[in-house]
Amino acid sequence: MSETEWRLLTTLPDLPSAQSLAEILIGDGVTARVMSDASVLGQAAPSRIYVDAAHLHRARWFMAQRQFTDEELDYLATGELRSADTPE
């Protein structure tokens, strides 16, 4: 069995957002994983999403077709809707 060759797809500002997007990619059939320098969940530290090199083109196409807003990523990460007038 061959070893997976990982390629950087994108970097997001926090771990929950990156994990949420990775789950969406995985649900779409893209092999993905998240790497982060965050030492605790919720810490604002850049998190990188890597995909299998064989799925990179598909993942880039998916990202180009569907641009996620910060609010959508927050909802995917927390399950809570945040209104425009709610402080972060």
Protein backbone atom coordinates (compact mmCIF):
# COMPACT_ATOMS: atom_id res chain seq x y z
CA MET A 1 0.00 0.00 0.00
CA SER A 2 1.40 3.40 -0.94
CA GLU A 3 1.88 6.18 1.57
CA THR A 4 -0.28 9.29 1.25
CA GLU A 5 1.46 12.35 -0.14
CA TRP A 6 -0.04 15.43 1.56
CA ARG A 7 -0.37 18.86 -0.06
CA LEU A 8 -1.33 22.13 1.65
CA LEU A 9 -4.78 23.27 0.54
CA THR A 10 -5.39 26.30 2.75
CA THR A 11 -4.73 27.90 6.14
CA LEU A 12 -7.53 29.11 8.41
CA PRO A 13 -7.26 31.37 11.47
CA ASP A 14 -8.39 28.79 14.05
CA LEU A 15 -8.63 25.06 14.69
CA PRO A 16 -12.44 24.68 14.88
CA SER A 17 -12.91 26.34 11.48
CA ALA A 18 -10.21 24.16 9.92
CA GLN A 19 -11.71 21.00 11.41
CA SER A 20 -15.15 21.96 10.12
CA LEU A 21 -13.91 22.57 6.60
CA ALA A 22 -11.91 19.33 6.66
CA GLU A 23 -15.07 17.43 7.64
CA ILE A 24 -16.92 18.96 4.68
CA LEU A 25 -14.09 17.98 2.33
CA ILE A 26 -14.03 14.45 3.73
CA GLY A 27 -17.80 14.24 3.25
CA ASP A 28 -17.20 15.19 -0.38
CA GLY A 29 -14.73 12.30 -0.78
CA VAL A 30 -11.50 14.28 -0.34
CA THR A 31 -8.90 12.77 2.00
CA ALA A 32 -7.98 15.62 4.35
CA ARG A 33 -6.26 16.28 7.67
CA VAL A 34 -5.70 19.32 9.88
CA MET A 35 -2.43 20.48 11.41
CA SER A 36 -2.35 23.28 13.98
CA ASP A 37 0.03 24.96 16.37
CA ALA A 38 -2.83 25.56 18.82
CA SER A 39 -2.10 24.03 22.20
CA VAL A 40 -5.74 24.16 23.35
CA LEU A 41 -9.02 23.91 21.43
CA GLY A 42 -10.37 27.34 20.58
CA GLN A 43 -6.99 29.05 20.72
CA ALA A 44 -6.62 31.47 17.83
CA ALA A 45 -3.69 29.88 16.02
CA PRO A 46 -3.36 29.27 12.30
CA SER A 47 -4.48 25.79 11.26
CA ARG A 48 -3.53 24.20 7.97
CA ILE A 49 -5.65 21.80 5.93
CA TYR A 50 -3.74 19.22 3.95
CA VAL A 51 -5.24 16.93 1.33
CA ASP A 52 -4.04 13.81 -0.42
CA ALA A 53 -2.06 14.93 -3.49
CA ALA A 54 -4.35 12.79 -5.64
CA HIS A 55 -7.34 14.87 -4.39
CA LEU A 56 -5.71 18.32 -4.58
CA HIS A 57 -7.32 19.34 -7.88
CA ARG A 58 -10.76 18.24 -6.66
CA ALA A 59 -10.31 20.04 -3.32
CA ARG A 60 -9.23 23.27 -5.06
CA TRP A 61 -12.23 23.04 -7.39
CA PHE A 62 -14.51 22.50 -4.39
CA MET A 63 -13.03 25.53 -2.61
CA ALA A 64 -13.40 27.69 -5.73
CA GLN A 65 -17.04 26.68 -6.10
CA ARG A 66 -17.91 27.27 -2.47
CA GLN A 67 -16.40 30.22 -0.63
CA PHE A 68 -17.24 29.97 3.08
CA THR A 69 -17.90 33.09 5.14
CA ASP A 70 -16.55 33.43 8.67
CA GLU A 71 -20.12 33.06 9.94
CA GLU A 72 -20.58 29.76 8.07
CA LEU A 73 -17.32 28.40 9.45
CA ASP A 74 -18.31 29.51 12.96
CA TYR A 75 -21.63 27.73 12.59
CA LEU A 76 -19.96 24.56 11.32
CA ALA A 77 -17.50 24.66 14.20
CA THR A 78 -19.94 25.46 17.01
CA GLY A 79 -23.43 24.68 15.72
CA GLU A 80 -24.49 28.16 16.86
CA LEU A 81 -25.66 31.03 14.69
CA ARG A 82 -24.11 34.39 15.47
CA SER A 83 -25.98 37.50 14.43
CA ALA A 84 -24.19 40.51 12.98
CA ASP A 85 -24.73 42.53 16.16
CA THR A 86 -23.48 39.78 18.52
CA PRO A 87 -19.94 40.50 19.75
CA GLU A 88 -17.31 37.82 19.18
